[in-house]
Protein backbone atom coordinates (compact mmCIF):
# COMPACT_ATOMS: atom_id res chain seq x y z
CA MET A 1 0.17 -14.65 -51.35
CA THR A 2 -1.64 -15.09 -48.03
CA LEU A 3 0.85 -17.77 -46.98
CA LEU A 4 3.72 -15.42 -47.85
CA TYR A 5 2.11 -12.69 -45.73
CA ILE A 6 1.77 -15.09 -42.79
CA ILE A 7 5.40 -16.28 -42.99
CA THR A 8 6.72 -12.73 -43.35
CA ALA A 9 4.57 -11.45 -40.48
CA THR A 10 5.50 -14.24 -38.07
CA VAL A 11 9.23 -14.00 -38.83
CA ALA A 12 9.26 -10.21 -38.64
CA GLY A 13 7.11 -10.21 -35.52
CA SER A 14 9.32 -12.64 -33.63
CA VAL A 15 12.58 -11.00 -34.70
CA LEU A 16 11.46 -7.44 -34.03
CA SER A 17 9.99 -8.15 -30.60
CA VAL A 18 13.12 -10.03 -29.50
CA LEU A 19 15.50 -7.36 -30.83
CA ILE A 20 13.58 -4.47 -29.27
CA ALA A 21 13.27 -6.27 -25.94
CA GLY A 22 16.96 -7.25 -26.04
CA LEU A 23 18.03 -3.68 -26.77
CA ILE A 24 15.95 -2.35 -23.89
CA THR A 25 17.17 -5.03 -21.48
CA PHE A 26 20.87 -4.92 -22.38
CA LYS A 27 21.22 -1.15 -22.66
CA VAL A 28 18.89 0.05 -19.92
CA LEU A 29 18.23 -2.79 -17.49
CA GLY A 30 21.45 -4.81 -17.72
CA PRO A 31 23.20 -3.40 -14.60
CA LEU A 32 20.05 -4.01 -12.50
CA VAL A 33 19.20 -7.52 -13.67
CA GLN A 34 19.17 -9.24 -10.28
CA ARG A 35 17.08 -6.53 -8.66
CA LEU A 36 14.66 -6.56 -11.60
CA VAL A 37 13.81 -10.21 -11.07
CA SER A 38 10.86 -8.72 -9.16
CA PHE A 39 9.84 -6.77 -12.26
CA SER A 40 10.08 -9.93 -14.34
CA ALA A 41 7.82 -11.80 -11.88
CA GLY A 42 5.23 -9.03 -12.26
CA VAL A 43 5.44 -9.17 -16.04
CA LEU A 44 4.99 -12.96 -16.08
CA LEU A 45 2.04 -12.88 -13.67
CA GLY A 46 0.46 -9.99 -15.56
CA ALA A 47 0.88 -11.75 -18.89
CA ALA A 48 -0.63 -14.95 -17.50
CA PHE A 49 -3.62 -13.52 -15.63
CA LEU A 50 -4.41 -10.40 -17.66
CA GLU A 51 -3.52 -11.52 -21.19
CA LEU A 52 -3.25 -15.28 -21.71
CA LEU A 53 -5.94 -16.75 -19.43
CA PRO A 54 -8.68 -14.28 -20.47
CA HIS A 55 -7.74 -14.88 -24.10
CA ALA A 56 -8.09 -18.64 -23.66
CA PHE A 57 -11.58 -18.22 -22.17
CA ASP A 58 -12.60 -16.00 -25.11
CA PHE A 59 -12.71 -19.15 -27.26
CA GLY A 60 -15.80 -20.34 -25.40
CA ILE A 61 -14.20 -23.58 -24.21
CA ASP A 62 -15.66 -25.18 -21.07
CA ALA A 63 -14.06 -23.59 -17.99
CA HIS A 64 -13.59 -26.98 -16.32
CA SER A 65 -11.52 -28.20 -19.28
CA LEU A 66 -9.35 -25.10 -19.29
CA PHE A 67 -8.69 -25.26 -15.56
CA MET A 68 -7.80 -28.94 -15.94
CA ALA A 69 -5.33 -27.90 -18.65
CA LEU A 70 -3.93 -25.21 -16.34
CA LEU A 71 -3.46 -27.75 -13.53
CA GLY A 72 -1.89 -30.23 -15.95
CA GLY A 73 0.44 -27.50 -17.21
CA LEU A 74 1.60 -26.63 -13.69
CA LEU A 75 2.30 -30.28 -12.95
CA PHE A 76 4.10 -30.66 -16.30
CA PHE A 77 6.45 -27.75 -15.56
CA PHE A 78 7.01 -29.09 -12.04
CA LEU A 79 8.15 -32.39 -13.55
CA LEU A 80 10.21 -30.58 -16.19
CA GLU A 81 11.97 -28.63 -13.46
CA LYS A 82 12.57 -31.84 -11.52
CA PHE A 83 14.16 -33.33 -14.64
CA ALA A 84 16.40 -30.26 -15.04
CA LEU A 85 17.48 -30.55 -11.39
CA TRP A 86 18.13 -34.28 -11.79
CA ARG A 87 20.31 -33.66 -14.83
CA HIS A 88 22.27 -30.98 -12.96
CA SER A 89 22.73 -33.21 -9.89
CA HIS A 90 23.74 -36.22 -12.01
CA HIS A 91 26.20 -34.15 -14.02
CA HIS A 92 27.91 -32.56 -11.01
CA GLU A 93 27.73 -35.24 -8.32
CA HIS A 94 31.29 -36.47 -9.05
CA ASP A 95 32.91 -33.30 -10.41
CA GLY A 96 34.64 -32.42 -7.13
CA HIS A 97 33.26 -28.90 -7.02
CA GLY A 98 30.97 -27.46 -4.40
CA HIS A 99 27.93 -25.44 -5.37
CA GLU A 100 26.36 -22.84 -3.16
CA HIS A 101 22.73 -23.17 -2.22
CA GLY A 102 20.32 -20.50 -3.38
CA PHE A 103 19.66 -18.81 -6.67
CA ASP A 104 23.07 -19.58 -8.19
CA VAL A 105 23.86 -19.97 -11.87
CA HIS A 106 23.32 -23.73 -12.07
CA GLU A 107 20.12 -23.79 -10.02
CA ALA A 108 18.74 -20.73 -11.78
CA GLY A 109 19.41 -22.32 -15.15
CA ARG A 110 16.23 -24.36 -14.75
CA SER A 111 14.22 -21.13 -14.83
CA GLY A 112 15.87 -20.36 -18.14
CA LEU A 113 14.74 -23.71 -19.56
CA LEU A 114 11.17 -23.24 -18.34
CA ILE A 115 10.88 -19.69 -19.64
CA LEU A 116 12.05 -20.80 -23.09
CA VAL A 117 9.49 -23.63 -23.20
CA GLY A 118 6.68 -21.34 -22.09
CA ASP A 119 7.72 -18.57 -24.47
CA SER A 120 7.80 -21.03 -27.39
CA LEU A 121 4.23 -22.16 -26.62
CA HIS A 122 3.07 -18.56 -26.37
CA ASN A 123 4.73 -17.65 -29.67
CA PHE A 124 3.22 -20.72 -31.35
CA ALA A 125 -0.25 -19.56 -30.30
CA ASP A 126 0.50 -16.05 -31.58
CA GLY A 127 1.46 -17.54 -34.95
CA VAL A 128 -1.88 -19.34 -35.20
CA LEU A 129 -3.69 -16.10 -34.38
CA ILE A 130 -1.73 -14.22 -37.05
CA ALA A 131 -2.64 -16.88 -39.61
CA ALA A 132 -6.31 -16.68 -38.66
CA ALA A 133 -6.27 -12.89 -38.99
CA PHE A 134 -4.63 -12.92 -42.44
CA LEU A 135 -7.05 -15.57 -43.68
CA ALA A 136 -9.92 -13.36 -42.57
CA ASP A 137 -8.53 -10.13 -44.05
CA PRO A 138 -4.95 -9.01 -44.95
CA TRP A 139 -5.36 -5.65 -43.20
CA LEU A 140 -6.57 -7.38 -40.05
CA GLY A 141 -3.48 -9.59 -40.28
CA PHE A 142 -1.14 -6.59 -40.40
CA VAL A 143 -2.88 -4.91 -37.47
CA THR A 144 -2.83 -8.15 -35.47
CA THR A 145 0.89 -8.57 -36.13
CA LEU A 146 1.64 -5.03 -34.93
CA GLY A 147 -0.43 -5.59 -31.82
CA ILE A 148 1.35 -8.85 -31.03
CA ILE A 149 4.78 -7.23 -31.49
CA ALA A 150 3.78 -4.41 -29.13
CA HIS A 151 2.50 -6.67 -26.37
CA GLU A 152 5.39 -9.13 -26.79
CA VAL A 153 8.10 -6.53 -26.11
CA PRO A 154 7.55 -6.11 -22.34
CA GLN A 155 7.12 -9.86 -21.92
CA GLU A 156 10.30 -10.60 -23.89
CA ALA A 157 12.14 -8.06 -21.71
CA GLY A 158 10.97 -9.99 -18.66
CA ASP A 159 12.18 -13.22 -20.26
CA PHE A 160 15.61 -11.69 -20.90
CA ILE A 161 15.87 -10.70 -17.24
CA VAL A 162 15.16 -14.29 -16.17
CA LEU A 163 17.73 -15.67 -18.64
CA LEU A 164 20.44 -13.19 -17.65
CA ASN A 165 19.82 -13.81 -13.96
CA ALA A 166 20.00 -17.56 -14.70
CA GLY A 167 23.58 -17.14 -15.89
CA TYR A 168 23.04 -16.97 -19.65
CA SER A 169 25.37 -14.65 -21.54
CA ARG A 170 23.78 -11.84 -23.51
CA ALA A 171 24.52 -13.60 -26.79
CA ARG A 172 23.01 -16.91 -25.60
CA ALA A 173 19.95 -15.18 -24.15
CA LEU A 174 19.39 -13.35 -27.44
CA ALA A 175 19.94 -16.49 -29.54
CA TYR A 176 17.65 -18.72 -27.45
CA ASN A 177 14.93 -16.08 -27.26
CA ALA A 178 15.12 -15.66 -31.04
CA LEU A 179 14.77 -19.44 -31.52
CA ALA A 180 11.77 -19.48 -29.18
CA GLY A 181 10.31 -16.60 -31.18
CA LEU A 182 10.47 -18.66 -34.38
CA ALA A 183 7.83 -20.97 -32.88
CA SER A 184 5.38 -18.35 -34.16
CA VAL A 185 6.36 -19.35 -37.72
CA ALA A 186 5.40 -22.96 -36.98
CA GLY A 187 2.13 -21.74 -35.52
CA GLY A 188 1.46 -19.62 -38.59
CA LEU A 189 2.10 -22.51 -40.98
CA ILE A 190 -0.04 -24.95 -38.99
CA GLY A 191 -2.73 -22.32 -38.69
CA TYR A 192 -2.74 -21.80 -42.45
CA PHE A 193 -2.90 -25.47 -43.44
CA ALA A 194 -5.13 -26.79 -40.66
CA LEU A 195 -6.90 -23.79 -39.21
CA ALA A 196 -10.07 -25.55 -38.05
CA HIS A 197 -8.08 -28.04 -35.96
CA ALA A 198 -5.52 -25.44 -34.91
CA GLN A 199 -8.23 -23.11 -33.63
CA GLN A 200 -9.45 -25.83 -31.28
CA ALA A 201 -5.93 -26.31 -29.97
CA VAL A 202 -5.11 -22.61 -29.50
CA PRO A 203 -6.79 -22.11 -26.09
CA TYR A 204 -4.96 -25.13 -24.67
CA VAL A 205 -1.61 -23.94 -26.03
CA VAL A 206 -2.33 -20.52 -24.48
CA ILE A 207 -3.19 -22.18 -21.16
CA LEU A 208 0.09 -24.12 -21.20
CA ALA A 209 2.01 -20.91 -21.84
CA ALA A 210 0.18 -19.23 -18.95
CA SER A 211 0.94 -22.17 -16.65
CA SER A 212 4.66 -21.88 -17.40
CA PHE A 213 4.68 -18.16 -16.57
CA ILE A 214 2.74 -18.74 -13.33
CA TYR A 215 4.99 -21.62 -12.31
CA ILE A 216 8.23 -19.69 -12.94
CA ALA A 217 7.00 -16.64 -11.01
CA VAL A 218 5.55 -18.56 -8.05
CA ALA A 219 7.97 -21.51 -7.75
CA ASP A 220 11.29 -19.87 -8.70
CA LEU A 221 11.30 -16.08 -8.66
CA ILE A 222 9.08 -15.25 -5.66
CA PRO A 223 10.79 -17.77 -3.28
CA TRP A 224 14.13 -16.21 -4.19
CA MET A 225 12.75 -12.75 -3.41
CA GLN A 226 11.44 -13.96 -0.04
CA ARG A 227 15.01 -14.64 1.10
CA ARG A 228 15.55 -10.88 1.37
CA ALA A 229 13.34 -9.89 4.28
CA ASP A 230 14.53 -6.34 5.00
CA THR A 231 12.04 -3.51 4.60
CA ALA A 232 13.89 -1.72 1.80
CA SER A 233 14.07 -4.88 -0.32
CA ALA A 234 10.41 -5.63 0.31
CA MET A 235 9.40 -2.14 -0.80
CA TRP A 236 11.46 -2.44 -3.99
CA GLN A 237 10.03 -5.88 -4.70
CA VAL A 238 6.40 -4.80 -4.27
CA THR A 239 6.98 -1.70 -6.40
CA LEU A 240 8.68 -3.62 -9.20
CA ILE A 241 6.13 -6.46 -9.21
CA GLY A 242 3.38 -3.85 -9.43
CA SER A 243 5.25 -2.09 -12.24
CA GLY A 244 5.52 -5.33 -14.21
CA VAL A 245 1.83 -6.13 -13.79
CA GLY A 246 0.91 -2.51 -14.58
CA LEU A 247 2.94 -2.50 -17.78
CA ILE A 248 1.10 -5.57 -19.06
CA ALA A 249 -2.25 -4.09 -18.00
CA ILE A 250 -1.60 -0.80 -19.81
CA THR A 251 -0.33 -2.57 -22.93
CA HIS A 252 -3.37 -4.86 -22.96
CA SER A 253 -5.75 -1.93 -22.48
CA LEU A 254 -4.21 0.12 -25.30
CA LEU A 255 -3.74 -2.70 -27.83
CA HIS A 256 -6.57 -5.15 -27.09
């Protein structure tokens, strides 16, 4: 019965958070996607520094080990992005078409790949946490699932903004985000069958997820924003980054 609870909770949690975030993004934020890249950067930085990193340190793992994992994660996503760029360059070098420089669809597509990898890692860690909560007490499992759904919604909305700005259609963005969300089911199953080992791995999975969010915000989104140097754009960017960070901070404070 506990295993059934875990599977149901992880599936429902991933599906609900993606659907709610997709509805908000497509219906409310869709026309402003490019401008709201700044908001997405704030959400990713807030999720990394206010939610994921503190959570990883709560496990009592040596700080040196976690910072090494963070550095390794940043280097891993740098190499992953290089691989995505190499594939794009190799695929288009003889196609006879020119491609503009900047944050165009093809170049931005690498951000879509990175956000999906990072989101999958984050969801996997959430699945392990849900399994641990249900094994401790069913009621705690239900409460933990509700809390995870609530704090996932703003982050998933930020992910949708990145994917849409990267040139993904709404259907593809929804489908890929849903697939990334199902990583929580894998985390729940592994957490149920091998919880002792999985608990030791959770802080490192969380650190990897945080490193992906930091890398995307700092290496891809912020440099693109810096290309617009006028005062009005700068004011909008600062306001929206602050709004994204503030949303994560408020959600964390209310649901921690």
